[in-house]
PDB file of N, CA and C in Angstrom:
ATOM      1  N   MET A   1       0.609  -1.226  -0.160  1.00  0.00           N
ATOM      2  CA  MET A   1      -0.464  -0.328   0.027  1.00  0.00           C
ATOM      3  C   MET A   1       0.780   1.515   0.243  1.00  0.00           C
ATOM      4  N   GLU A   2       0.928   1.870  -0.791  1.00  0.00           N
ATOM      5  CA  GLU A   2       1.035   3.045  -0.853  1.00  0.00           C
ATOM      6  C   GLU A   2       0.631   4.318   0.114  1.00  0.00           C
ATOM      7  N   LEU A   3       1.733   5.522   0.866  1.00  0.00           N
ATOM      8  CA  LEU A   3       1.351   5.934   0.882  1.00  0.00           C
ATOM      9  C   LEU A   3       0.852   7.536   0.515  1.00  0.00           C
ATOM     10  N   GLN A   4      -0.199   8.056   0.694  1.00  0.00           N
ATOM     11  CA  GLN A   4      -0.695   9.316  -0.175  1.00  0.00           C
ATOM     12  C   GLN A   4       0.175  10.327   0.641  1.00  0.00           C
ATOM     13  N   PHE A   5       0.581  11.570   0.063  1.00  0.00           N
ATOM     14  CA  PHE A   5       1.489  12.801   0.932  1.00  0.00           C
ATOM     15  C   PHE A   5       0.562  14.051   0.211  1.00  0.00           C
ATOM     16  N   ASP A   6       0.671  14.706   0.637  1.00  0.00           N
ATOM     17  CA  ASP A   6       0.125  16.341   0.563  1.00  0.00           C
ATOM     18  C   ASP A   6       0.238  16.952   1.451  1.00  0.00           C
ATOM     19  N   ILE A   7       1.124  18.028   0.791  1.00  0.00           N
ATOM     20  CA  ILE A   7       1.149  19.152   1.251  1.00  0.00           C
ATOM     21  C   ILE A   7       0.944  20.590   1.066  1.00  0.00           C
ATOM     22  N   THR A   8       0.421  21.673   2.080  1.00  0.00           N
ATOM     23  CA  THR A   8       0.005  22.978   1.532  1.00  0.00           C
ATOM     24  C   THR A   8       0.286  24.174   2.073  1.00  0.00           C
ATOM     25  N   GLY A   9       0.378  25.273   1.638  1.00  0.00           N
ATOM     26  CA  GLY A   9       1.223  26.305   2.155  1.00  0.00           C
ATOM     27  C   GLY A   9      -0.105  27.208   2.082  1.00  0.00           C
ATOM     28  N   LYS A  10      -0.145  28.576   3.186  1.00  0.00           N
ATOM     29  CA  LYS A  10      -0.980  28.893   3.251  1.00  0.00           C
ATOM     30  C   LYS A  10      -0.538  30.380   4.177  1.00  0.00           C
ATOM     31  N   HIS A  11      -0.169  31.499   2.820  1.00  0.00           N
ATOM     32  CA  HIS A  11       1.048  32.339   3.212  1.00  0.00           C
ATOM     33  C   HIS A  11       2.445  32.086   3.393  1.00  0.00           C
ATOM     34  N   VAL A  12       2.902  30.891   2.783  1.00  0.00           N
ATOM     35  CA  VAL A  12       3.781  30.485   2.479  1.00  0.00           C
ATOM     36  C   VAL A  12       4.614  29.396   1.012  1.00  0.00           C
ATOM     37  N   GLU A  13       5.158  29.511   0.235  1.00  0.00           N
ATOM     38  CA  GLU A  13       5.571  29.055  -0.857  1.00  0.00           C
ATOM     39  C   GLU A  13       6.383  28.015  -0.658  1.00  0.00           C
ATOM     40  N   ILE A  14       5.648  26.859  -1.276  1.00  0.00           N
ATOM     41  CA  ILE A  14       6.409  25.376  -0.849  1.00  0.00           C
ATOM     42  C   ILE A  14       7.587  25.569  -1.697  1.00  0.00           C
ATOM     43  N   THR A  15       8.991  25.829  -0.987  1.00  0.00           N
ATOM     44  CA  THR A  15      10.379  24.755  -1.816  1.00  0.00           C
ATOM     45  C   THR A  15       9.854  23.635  -2.124  1.00  0.00           C
ATOM     46  N   ASP A  16      10.954  22.987  -3.102  1.00  0.00           N
ATOM     47  CA  ASP A  16      11.555  21.534  -3.453  1.00  0.00           C
ATOM     48  C   ASP A  16      12.327  20.886  -2.383  1.00  0.00           C
ATOM     49  N   ALA A  17      12.891  22.086  -1.670  1.00  0.00           N
ATOM     50  CA  ALA A  17      13.928  21.411  -0.547  1.00  0.00           C
ATOM     51  C   ALA A  17      12.370  21.441   0.762  1.00  0.00           C
ATOM     52  N   LEU A  18      11.725  22.269   1.117  1.00  0.00           N
ATOM     53  CA  LEU A  18      10.814  22.172   1.950  1.00  0.00           C
ATOM     54  C   LEU A  18      10.100  21.077   1.902  1.00  0.00           C
ATOM     55  N   ARG A  19       9.364  20.861   0.277  1.00  0.00           N
ATOM     56  CA  ARG A  19       8.729  19.219   0.326  1.00  0.00           C
ATOM     57  C   ARG A  19       9.647  18.259   0.057  1.00  0.00           C
ATOM     58  N   LYS A  20      10.820  17.915   0.163  1.00  0.00           N
ATOM     59  CA  LYS A  20      11.371  17.220   0.102  1.00  0.00           C
ATOM     60  C   LYS A  20      11.833  16.483   1.330  1.00  0.00           C
ATOM     61  N   HIS A  21      11.809  17.358   2.362  1.00  0.00           N
ATOM     62  CA  HIS A  21      12.357  17.232   4.143  1.00  0.00           C
ATOM     63  C   HIS A  21      10.902  17.121   4.236  1.00  0.00           C
ATOM     64  N   ALA A  22       9.709  17.151   4.097  1.00  0.00           N
ATOM     65  CA  ALA A  22       8.737  17.088   4.633  1.00  0.00           C
ATOM     66  C   ALA A  22       8.002  15.341   4.879  1.00  0.00           C
ATOM     67  N   GLN A  23       8.801  15.223   3.437  1.00  0.00           N
ATOM     68  CA  GLN A  23       8.282  13.627   2.515  1.00  0.00           C
ATOM     69  C   GLN A  23       9.128  12.999   3.068  1.00  0.00           C
ATOM     70  N   ASP A  24      10.540  13.038   3.666  1.00  0.00           N
ATOM     71  CA  ASP A  24      11.365  11.932   4.199  1.00  0.00           C
ATOM     72  C   ASP A  24      11.208  11.782   5.374  1.00  0.00           C
ATOM     73  N   ARG A  25      10.796  12.815   6.114  1.00  0.00           N
ATOM     74  CA  ARG A  25      10.156  12.445   7.574  1.00  0.00           C
ATOM     75  C   ARG A  25       9.242  11.865   7.888  1.00  0.00           C
ATOM     76  N   VAL A  26       7.381  12.119   6.731  1.00  0.00           N
ATOM     77  CA  VAL A  26       6.559  11.284   7.218  1.00  0.00           C
ATOM     78  C   VAL A  26       6.747  10.201   6.411  1.00  0.00           C
ATOM     79  N   SER A  27       8.047  10.532   4.652  1.00  0.00           N
ATOM     80  CA  SER A  27       7.645   8.265   4.942  1.00  0.00           C
ATOM     81  C   SER A  27       7.948   7.651   5.673  1.00  0.00           C
ATOM     82  N   LYS A  28       8.106   7.641   6.971  1.00  0.00           N
ATOM     83  CA  LYS A  28       8.605   6.856   8.328  1.00  0.00           C
ATOM     84  C   LYS A  28       7.767   6.608   9.175  1.00  0.00           C
ATOM     85  N   PHE A  29       6.714   7.568   8.839  1.00  0.00           N
ATOM     86  CA  PHE A  29       5.182   6.859   9.883  1.00  0.00           C
ATOM     87  C   PHE A  29       4.570   5.482   9.237  1.00  0.00           C
ATOM     88  N   PRO A  30       4.560   5.066   8.266  1.00  0.00           N
ATOM     89  CA  PRO A  30       4.532   3.335   8.583  1.00  0.00           C
ATOM     90  C   PRO A  30       5.458   2.197   8.985  1.00  0.00           C
ATOM     91  N   ARG A  31       6.401   2.756   9.465  1.00  0.00           N
ATOM     92  CA  ARG A  31       7.104   1.328  10.271  1.00  0.00           C
ATOM     93  C   ARG A  31       7.060   2.079  11.512  1.00  0.00           C
ATOM     94  N   TYR A  32       6.140   2.858  12.172  1.00  0.00           N
ATOM     95  CA  TYR A  32       5.847   2.711  13.719  1.00  0.00           C
ATOM     96  C   TYR A  32       3.767   1.749  13.708  1.00  0.00           C
ATOM     97  N   TYR A  33       3.342   2.199  12.428  1.00  0.00           N
ATOM     98  CA  TYR A  33       2.100   2.112  12.788  1.00  0.00           C
ATOM     99  C   TYR A  33       1.813   1.632  11.048  1.00  0.00           C
ATOM    100  N   SER A  34       1.646   0.982  10.689  1.00  0.00           N
ATOM    101  CA  SER A  34       1.665   0.083   9.706  1.00  0.00           C
ATOM    102  C   SER A  34       0.359   0.321   8.598  1.00  0.00           C
ATOM    103  N   SER A  35      -1.023   1.057   9.144  1.00  0.00           N
ATOM    104  CA  SER A  35      -2.309   0.901   8.408  1.00  0.00           C
ATOM    105  C   SER A  35      -2.494   2.638   8.714  1.00  0.00           C
ATOM    106  N   ILE A  36      -1.396   3.354   8.366  1.00  0.00           N
ATOM    107  CA  ILE A  36      -1.048   4.603   7.903  1.00  0.00           C
ATOM    108  C   ILE A  36      -1.880   4.998   6.267  1.00  0.00           C
ATOM    109  N   THR A  37      -2.376   5.316   5.993  1.00  0.00           N
ATOM    110  CA  THR A  37      -2.739   5.411   4.408  1.00  0.00           C
ATOM    111  C   THR A  37      -2.643   6.995   3.565  1.00  0.00           C
ATOM    112  N   LYS A  38      -2.931   8.087   4.161  1.00  0.00           N
ATOM    113  CA  LYS A  38      -2.720   9.364   3.932  1.00  0.00           C
ATOM    114  C   LYS A  38      -1.785  10.400   4.889  1.00  0.00           C
ATOM    115  N   VAL A  39      -1.193  11.547   4.721  1.00  0.00           N
ATOM    116  CA  VAL A  39      -0.156  12.078   5.488  1.00  0.00           C
ATOM    117  C   VAL A  39      -0.839  13.606   4.487  1.00  0.00           C
ATOM    118  N   GLU A  40      -1.218  14.551   5.442  1.00  0.00           N
ATOM    119  CA  GLU A  40      -1.464  15.814   5.528  1.00  0.00           C
ATOM    120  C   GLU A  40      -0.874  16.661   5.844  1.00  0.00           C
ATOM    121  N   VAL A  41      -0.115  17.465   5.202  1.00  0.00           N
ATOM    122  CA  VAL A  41       0.999  18.381   6.021  1.00  0.00           C
ATOM    123  C   VAL A  41       0.583  19.551   5.736  1.00  0.00           C
ATOM    124  N   LYS A  42       0.564  20.657   6.598  1.00  0.00           N
ATOM    125  CA  LYS A  42      -0.032  22.376   6.931  1.00  0.00           C
ATOM    126  C   LYS A  42       0.377  22.966   7.135  1.00  0.00           C
ATOM    127  N   ILE A  43       1.169  23.700   6.708  1.00  0.00           N
ATOM    128  CA  ILE A  43       2.375  24.810   6.797  1.00  0.00           C
ATOM    129  C   ILE A  43       1.338  26.551   6.745  1.00  0.00           C
ATOM    130  N   GLU A  44       1.513  27.055   7.738  1.00  0.00           N
ATOM    131  CA  GLU A  44       0.569  28.427   7.635  1.00  0.00           C
ATOM    132  C   GLU A  44       1.573  29.309   8.448  1.00  0.00           C
ATOM    133  N   ARG A  45       1.822  30.566   7.761  1.00  0.00           N
ATOM    134  CA  ARG A  45       2.248  31.574   8.417  1.00  0.00           C
ATOM    135  C   ARG A  45       1.437  32.948   8.341  1.00  0.00           C
ATOM    136  N   ALA A  46       0.866  33.331   9.708  1.00  0.00           N
ATOM    137  CA  ALA A  46       0.331  34.312   9.826  1.00  0.00           C
ATOM    138  C   ALA A  46       1.091  35.868  10.033  1.00  0.00           C
ATOM    139  N   GLU A  47       0.260  36.722   9.749  1.00  0.00           N
ATOM    140  CA  GLU A  47       0.681  38.107  10.079  1.00  0.00           C
ATOM    141  C   GLU A  47       1.767  38.211  11.172  1.00  0.00           C
ATOM    142  N   GLY A  48       2.604  38.607  11.401  1.00  0.00           N
ATOM    143  CA  GLY A  48       2.568  38.493  12.958  1.00  0.00           C
ATOM    144  C   GLY A  48       2.977  37.574  14.247  1.00  0.00           C
ATOM    145  N   HIS A  49       3.004  36.566  13.371  1.00  0.00           N
ATOM    146  CA  HIS A  49       3.028  34.878  14.077  1.00  0.00           C
ATOM    147  C   HIS A  49       3.930  34.490  13.558  1.00  0.00           C
ATOM    148  N   LEU A  50       4.558  33.309  14.551  1.00  0.00           N
ATOM    149  CA  LEU A  50       5.468  32.542  13.914  1.00  0.00           C
ATOM    150  C   LEU A  50       4.511  31.601  12.848  1.00  0.00           C
ATOM    151  N   PRO A  51       5.406  31.024  11.990  1.00  0.00           N
ATOM    152  CA  PRO A  51       4.867  29.807  11.110  1.00  0.00           C
ATOM    153  C   PRO A  51       4.640  28.501  12.441  1.00  0.00           C
ATOM    154  N   THR A  52       3.384  27.759  11.546  1.00  0.00           N
ATOM    155  CA  THR A  52       2.939  26.769  12.191  1.00  0.00           C
ATOM    156  C   THR A  52       2.597  25.644  11.390  1.00  0.00           C
ATOM    157  N   VAL A  53       3.282  24.307  12.027  1.00  0.00           N
ATOM    158  CA  VAL A  53       2.954  23.475  10.753  1.00  0.00           C
ATOM    159  C   VAL A  53       2.606  22.009  11.362  1.00  0.00           C
ATOM    160  N   GLU A  54       1.291  21.686  11.160  1.00  0.00           N
ATOM    161  CA  GLU A  54       0.272  20.615  11.625  1.00  0.00           C
ATOM    162  C   GLU A  54       0.478  20.038  10.862  1.00  0.00           C
ATOM    163  N   ILE A  55       0.111  18.548  11.481  1.00  0.00           N
ATOM    164  CA  ILE A  55       0.840  17.046  10.706  1.00  0.00           C
ATOM    165  C   ILE A  55      -0.359  16.428  10.885  1.00  0.00           C
ATOM    166  N   ILE A  56      -1.088  15.665   9.820  1.00  0.00           N
ATOM    167  CA  ILE A  56      -2.680  14.617   9.839  1.00  0.00           C
ATOM    168  C   ILE A  56      -1.710  13.286   9.261  1.00  0.00           C
ATOM    169  N   ALA A  57      -2.182  12.902  10.457  1.00  0.00           N
ATOM    170  CA  ALA A  57      -2.028  11.333   9.220  1.00  0.00           C
ATOM    171  C   ALA A  57      -3.642  10.458  10.102  1.00  0.00           C
ATOM    172  N   ARG A  58      -3.664   9.658   8.369  1.00  0.00           N
ATOM    173  CA  ARG A  58      -4.765   9.226   8.979  1.00  0.00           C
ATOM    174  C   ARG A  58      -4.518   7.413   8.644  1.00  0.00           C
ATOM    175  N   GLY A  59      -5.179   7.103   9.229  1.00  0.00           N
ATOM    176  CA  GLY A  59      -4.734   5.241   9.094  1.00  0.00           C
ATOM    177  C   GLY A  59      -6.380   4.696   8.879  1.00  0.00           C
ATOM    178  N   GLU A  60      -6.090   3.622   8.777  1.00  0.00           N
ATOM    179  CA  GLU A  60      -7.499   2.770   7.898  1.00  0.00           C
ATOM    180  C   GLU A  60      -8.546   2.864   9.367  1.00  0.00           C
ATOM    181  N   HIS A  61      -9.277   2.289   8.976  1.00  0.00           N
ATOM    182  CA  HIS A  61     -10.572   2.654   9.925  1.00  0.00           C
ATOM    183  C   HIS A  61     -10.774   3.540  10.685  1.00  0.00           C
ATOM    184  N   SER A  62     -10.525   5.109  10.531  1.00  0.00           N
ATOM    185  CA  SER A  62     -11.322   6.192  10.355  1.00  0.00           C
ATOM    186  C   SER A  62      -9.772   6.612  11.703  1.00  0.00           C
ATOM    187  N   LYS A  63      -9.337   6.334  11.891  1.00  0.00           N
ATOM    188  CA  LYS A  63      -7.833   6.550  12.571  1.00  0.00           C
ATOM    189  C   LYS A  63      -7.398   7.884  12.598  1.00  0.00           C
ATOM    190  N   VAL A  64      -7.463   8.954  13.174  1.00  0.00           N
ATOM    191  CA  VAL A  64      -6.592  10.147  12.864  1.00  0.00           C
ATOM    192  C   VAL A  64      -5.719  10.362  14.299  1.00  0.00           C
ATOM    193  N   PHE A  65      -4.606  10.576  13.418  1.00  0.00           N
ATOM    194  CA  PHE A  65      -3.424  11.662  14.001  1.00  0.00           C
ATOM    195  C   PHE A  65      -3.096  12.754  14.165  1.00  0.00           C
ATOM    196  N   VAL A  66      -3.237  13.913  14.802  1.00  0.00           N
ATOM    197  CA  VAL A  66      -2.985  15.298  14.890  1.00  0.00           C
ATOM    198  C   VAL A  66      -1.840  15.555  15.405  1.00  0.00           C
ATOM    199  N   ALA A  67      -0.867  16.918  14.783  1.00  0.00           N
ATOM    200  CA  ALA A  67       0.198  16.771  15.810  1.00  0.00           C
ATOM    201  C   ALA A  67       0.520  18.649  14.784  1.00  0.00           C
ATOM    202  N   ARG A  68       0.429  19.515  15.738  1.00  0.00           N
ATOM    203  CA  ARG A  68       1.262  20.541  15.394  1.00  0.00           C
ATOM    204  C   ARG A  68       1.744  21.099  16.205  1.00  0.00           C
ATOM    205  N   GLU A  69       2.721  21.958  15.695  1.00  0.00           N
ATOM    206  CA  GLU A  69       4.308  22.450  16.228  1.00  0.00           C
ATOM    207  C   GLU A  69       3.951  24.238  15.463  1.00  0.00           C
ATOM    208  N   SER A  70       4.647  25.037  16.268  1.00  0.00           N
ATOM    209  CA  SER A  70       4.979  26.433  16.056  1.00  0.00           C
ATOM    210  C   SER A  70       6.356  26.477  16.516  1.00  0.00           C
ATOM    211  N   GLY A  71       7.216  27.676  15.304  1.00  0.00           N
ATOM    212  CA  GLY A  71       8.400  27.630  15.316  1.00  0.00           C
ATOM    213  C   GLY A  71       9.411  28.802  14.811  1.00  0.00           C
ATOM    214  N   ALA A  72      10.616  29.131  14.564  1.00  0.00           N
ATOM    215  CA  ALA A  72      10.987  30.134  13.966  1.00  0.00           C
ATOM    216  C   ALA A  72      11.357  29.635  12.839  1.00  0.00           C
ATOM    217  N   ASP A  73      11.491  28.375  12.942  1.00  0.00           N
ATOM    218  CA  ASP A  73      11.866  27.648  11.984  1.00  0.00           C
ATOM    219  C   ASP A  73      11.018  26.663  10.727  1.00  0.00           C
ATOM    220  N   ILE A  74      11.116  26.500   9.910  1.00  0.00           N
ATOM    221  CA  ILE A  74       9.908  25.360   9.419  1.00  0.00           C
ATOM    222  C   ILE A  74      10.141  24.219   9.658  1.00  0.00           C
ATOM    223  N   PHE A  75      11.589  24.025   8.875  1.00  0.00           N
ATOM    224  CA  PHE A  75      12.218  22.277   8.722  1.00  0.00           C
ATOM    225  C   PHE A  75      12.193  22.039  11.359  1.00  0.00           C
ATOM    226  N   THR A  76      12.834  22.602  11.164  1.00  0.00           N
ATOM    227  CA  THR A  76      12.561  22.607  12.500  1.00  0.00           C
ATOM    228  C   THR A  76      11.005  21.956  13.691  1.00  0.00           C
ATOM    229  N   CYS A  77      10.098  23.022  12.945  1.00  0.00           N
ATOM    230  CA  CYS A  77       8.548  22.537  13.479  1.00  0.00           C
ATOM    231  C   CYS A  77       8.293  21.313  12.572  1.00  0.00           C
ATOM    232  N   ILE A  78       8.259  21.406  10.979  1.00  0.00           N
ATOM    233  CA  ILE A  78       8.000  19.896  10.585  1.00  0.00           C
ATOM    234  C   ILE A  78       8.958  18.726  11.229  1.00  0.00           C
ATOM    235  N   ASP A  79       9.723  18.905  11.844  1.00  0.00           N
ATOM    236  CA  ASP A  79      10.841  17.787  12.803  1.00  0.00           C
ATOM    237  C   ASP A  79      10.185  17.498  14.306  1.00  0.00           C
ATOM    238  N   MET A  80       9.606  18.790  14.625  1.00  0.00           N
ATOM    239  CA  MET A  80       9.079  18.254  15.941  1.00  0.00           C
ATOM    240  C   MET A  80       7.401  17.763  16.377  1.00  0.00           C
ATOM    241  N   ALA A  81       6.892  17.931  15.141  1.00  0.00           N
ATOM    242  CA  ALA A  81       5.444  17.208  14.876  1.00  0.00           C
ATOM    243  C   ALA A  81       5.722  15.780  14.211  1.00  0.00           C
ATOM    244  N   THR A  82       6.844  16.130  13.480  1.00  0.00           N
ATOM    245  CA  THR A  82       6.975  14.373  13.489  1.00  0.00           C
ATOM    246  C   THR A  82       6.802  13.271  14.456  1.00  0.00           C
ATOM    247  N   HIS A  83       7.618  13.809  15.294  1.00  0.00           N
ATOM    248  CA  HIS A  83       8.139  13.331  16.397  1.00  0.00           C
ATOM    249  C   HIS A  83       7.169  13.076  17.037  1.00  0.00           C
ATOM    250  N   LYS A  84       6.152  13.814  17.270  1.00  0.00           N
ATOM    251  CA  LYS A  84       4.697  13.728  18.206  1.00  0.00           C
ATOM    252  C   LYS A  84       3.771  12.733  17.284  1.00  0.00           C
ATOM    253  N   ILE A  85       3.817  12.940  16.681  1.00  0.00           N
ATOM    254  CA  ILE A  85       2.981  11.586  15.379  1.00  0.00           C
ATOM    255  C   ILE A  85       3.651  10.335  16.026  1.00  0.00           C
ATOM    256  N   GLU A  86       4.798  10.255  15.313  1.00  0.00           N
ATOM    257  CA  GLU A  86       5.726   9.018  16.010  1.00  0.00           C
ATOM    258  C   GLU A  86       5.522   8.644  17.325  1.00  0.00           C
ATOM    259  N   ARG A  87       5.442   9.320  18.283  1.00  0.00           N
ATOM    260  CA  ARG A  87       4.959   8.792  19.679  1.00  0.00           C
ATOM    261  C   ARG A  87       3.708   8.286  19.558  1.00  0.00           C
ATOM    262  N   GLN A  88       2.571   9.176  18.893  1.00  0.00           N
ATOM    263  CA  GLN A  88       0.982   8.704  19.167  1.00  0.00           C
ATOM    264  C   GLN A  88       0.951   7.231  18.216  1.00  0.00           C
ATOM    265  N   LEU A  89       1.895   6.979  16.976  1.00  0.00           N
ATOM    266  CA  LEU A  89       1.766   6.010  16.375  1.00  0.00           C
ATOM    267  C   LEU A  89       2.378   4.620  17.067  1.00  0.00           C
ATOM    268  N   THR A  90       3.397   4.923  18.216  1.00  0.00           N
ATOM    269  CA  THR A  90       4.368   3.952  18.636  1.00  0.00           C
ATOM    270  C   THR A  90       2.564   3.412  19.770  1.00  0.00           C
ATOM    271  N   LYS A  91       2.374   4.586  21.029  1.00  0.00           N
ATOM    272  CA  LYS A  91       1.495   4.311  21.566  1.00  0.00           C
ATOM    273  C   LYS A  91       0.644   3.493  20.843  1.00  0.00           C
ATOM    274  N   LYS A  92      -0.131   3.927  19.828  1.00  0.00           N
ATOM    275  CA  LYS A  92      -1.380   3.272  19.297  1.00  0.00           C
ATOM    276  C   LYS A  92      -1.233   1.596  19.188  1.00  0.00           C
ATOM    277  N   LYS A  93      -0.507   1.160  18.601  1.00  0.00           N
ATOM    278  CA  LYS A  93       0.827   0.151  18.320  1.00  0.00           C
ATOM    279  C   LYS A  93       0.667  -1.127  19.073  1.00  0.00           C
ATOM    280  N   THR A  94       1.323  -0.007  20.416  1.00  0.00           N
ATOM    281  CA  THR A  94       1.834  -0.749  21.619  1.00  0.00           C
ATOM    282  C   THR A  94       0.212  -1.092  22.300  1.00  0.00           C
ATOM    283  N   ARG A  95      -0.547  -0.839  22.730  1.00  0.00           N
ATOM    284  CA  ARG A  95      -1.832  -0.923  22.823  1.00  0.00           C
ATOM    285  C   ARG A  95      -2.582  -1.799  21.963  1.00  0.00           C
ATOM    286  N   GLU A  96      -2.845  -1.692  20.530  1.00  0.00           N
ATOM    287  CA  GLU A  96      -3.312  -2.953  19.969  1.00  0.00           C
ATOM    288  C   GLU A  96      -2.435  -4.064  20.304  1.00  0.00           C
ATOM    289  N   ARG A  97      -0.839  -4.164  20.504  1.00  0.00           N
ATOM    290  CA  ARG A  97      -0.833  -5.513  20.489  1.00  0.00           C
ATOM    291  C   ARG A  97      -0.622  -5.886  21.785  1.00  0.00           C
ATOM    292  N   ASP A  98      -0.965  -5.383  22.919  1.00  0.00           N
ATOM    293  CA  ASP A  98      -1.243  -5.669  24.197  1.00  0.00           C
ATOM    294  C   ASP A  98      -2.466  -6.097  24.222  1.00  0.00           C
ATOM    295  N   ASN A  99      -3.470  -5.433  23.318  1.00  0.00           N
ATOM    296  CA  ASN A  99      -4.826  -5.815  24.056  1.00  0.00           C
ATOM    297  C   ASN A  99      -5.176  -7.164  23.077  1.00  0.00           C
ATOM    298  N   LYS A 100      -4.539  -7.924  22.503  1.00  0.00           N
ATOM    299  CA  LYS A 100      -5.273  -9.034  21.947  1.00  0.00           C
ATOM    300  C   LYS A 100      -5.645 -10.055  22.890  1.00  0.00           C
ATOM    301  N   TYR A 101      -6.818 -11.237  22.367  1.00  0.00           N
ATOM    302  CA  TYR A 101      -7.318 -11.521  23.211  1.00  0.00           C
ATOM    303  C   TYR A 101      -6.176 -13.186  23.281  1.00  0.00           C
ATOM    304  N   VAL A 102      -5.979 -13.578  24.333  1.00  0.00           N
ATOM    305  CA  VAL A 102      -5.080 -14.541  24.871  1.00  0.00           C
ATOM    306  C   VAL A 102      -5.581 -15.566  24.437  1.00  0.00           C
ATOM    307  N   GLY A 103      -6.418 -15.685  24.778  1.00  0.00           N
ATOM    308  CA  GLY A 103      -7.579 -17.374  25.173  1.00  0.00           C
ATOM    309  C   GLY A 103      -7.837 -17.749  26.397  1.00  0.00           C
ATOM    310  N   PRO A 104      -8.730 -18.845  26.257  1.00  0.00           N
ATOM    311  CA  PRO A 104      -9.185 -19.397  27.603  1.00  0.00           C
ATOM    312  C   PRO A 104      -8.090 -19.883  28.488  1.00  0.00           C
ATOM    313  N   ALA A 105      -7.595 -20.807  27.526  1.00  0.00           N
ATOM    314  CA  ALA A 105      -6.452 -21.930  28.248  1.00  0.00           C
ATOM    315  C   ALA A 105      -5.373 -21.408  29.279  1.00  0.00           C
ATOM    316  N   ALA A 106      -4.781 -20.050  28.534  1.00  0.00           N
ATOM    317  CA  ALA A 106      -4.142 -19.112  29.306  1.00  0.00           C
ATOM    318  C   ALA A 106      -4.811 -18.294  30.207  1.00  0.00           C
ATOM    319  N   SER A 107      -5.948 -18.494  30.935  1.00  0.00           N
ATOM    320  CA  SER A 107      -6.367 -17.762  31.530  1.00  0.00           C
ATOM    321  C   SER A 107      -7.279 -18.288  32.993  1.00  0.00           C
ATOM    322  N   ALA A 108      -7.215 -19.909  32.379  1.00  0.00           N
ATOM    323  CA  ALA A 108      -7.111 -20.943  33.544  1.00  0.00           C
ATOM    324  C   ALA A 108      -6.217 -20.795  34.725  1.00  0.00           C
ATOM    325  N   PRO A 109      -6.745 -21.289  35.396  1.00  0.00           N
ATOM    326  CA  PRO A 109      -5.926 -21.716  36.753  1.00  0.00           C
ATOM    327  C   PRO A 109      -5.292 -22.999  36.993  1.00  0.00           C
ATOM    328  N   PRO A 110      -3.812 -23.378  37.155  1.00  0.00           N
ATOM    329  CA  PRO A 110      -3.157 -24.485  37.276  1.00  0.00           C
ATOM    330  C   PRO A 110      -3.925 -25.725  37.949  1.00  0.00           C
ATOM    331  N   GLU A 111      -4.249 -26.729  37.252  1.00  0.00           N
ATOM    332  CA  GLU A 111      -5.366 -27.478  38.559  1.00  0.00           C
ATOM    333  C   GLU A 111      -3.416 -28.408  39.404  1.00  0.00           C
ATOM    334  N   SER A 112      -4.248 -28.493  40.815  1.00  0.00           N
ATOM    335  CA  SER A 112      -3.032 -28.914  40.932  1.00  0.00           C
ATOM    336  C   SER A 112      -3.109 -30.630  41.134  1.00  0.00           C
ATOM    337  N   SER A 113      -1.877 -31.574  41.370  1.00  0.00           N
ATOM    338  CA  SER A 113      -2.409 -32.992  41.098  1.00  0.00           C
ATOM    339  C   SER A 113      -2.503 -33.448  42.404  1.00  0.00           C
ATOM    340  N   GLU A 114      -1.855 -33.085  43.384  1.00  0.00           N
ATOM    341  CA  GLU A 114      -2.279 -33.121  45.071  1.00  0.00           C
ATOM    342  C   GLU A 114      -3.732 -33.373  45.248  1.00  0.00           C
ATOM    343  N   GLU A 115      -3.987 -34.471  45.849  1.00  0.00           N
ATOM    344  CA  GLU A 115      -4.882 -33.947  46.965  1.00  0.00           C
ATOM    345  C   GLU A 115      -5.321 -35.010  48.159  1.00  0.00           C
ATOM    346  N   VAL A 116      -5.521 -33.837  49.479  1.00  0.00           N
ATOM    347  CA  VAL A 116      -5.306 -34.175  50.427  1.00  0.00           C
ATOM    348  C   VAL A 116      -6.600 -34.945  51.167  1.00  0.00           C
TER     349      VAL A 116
END
């Protein structure tokens, strides 16, 4: 399954270097959680405010992971926001893995062979 990638800028020009940096960081998301299908990166610079980067990762079964970061450097904001998403994906994957159904045989108490 291929990861769909979309980057948009509001009052910011999306350069090739910016697009490549964001795509390189986001392409690692399926390592943490394999059912990610689409990632949106939104970069906004409002007048008088620091640039804001918002990353939205969408997975199967309507799972959505969102991270937002503001700062002076857009590249650093992308790195920090992807780190936040990676933590969310790792946490979700861990919860799903740990909540697997074990079965009745494992939950039954062991029988003792001694009778008194």
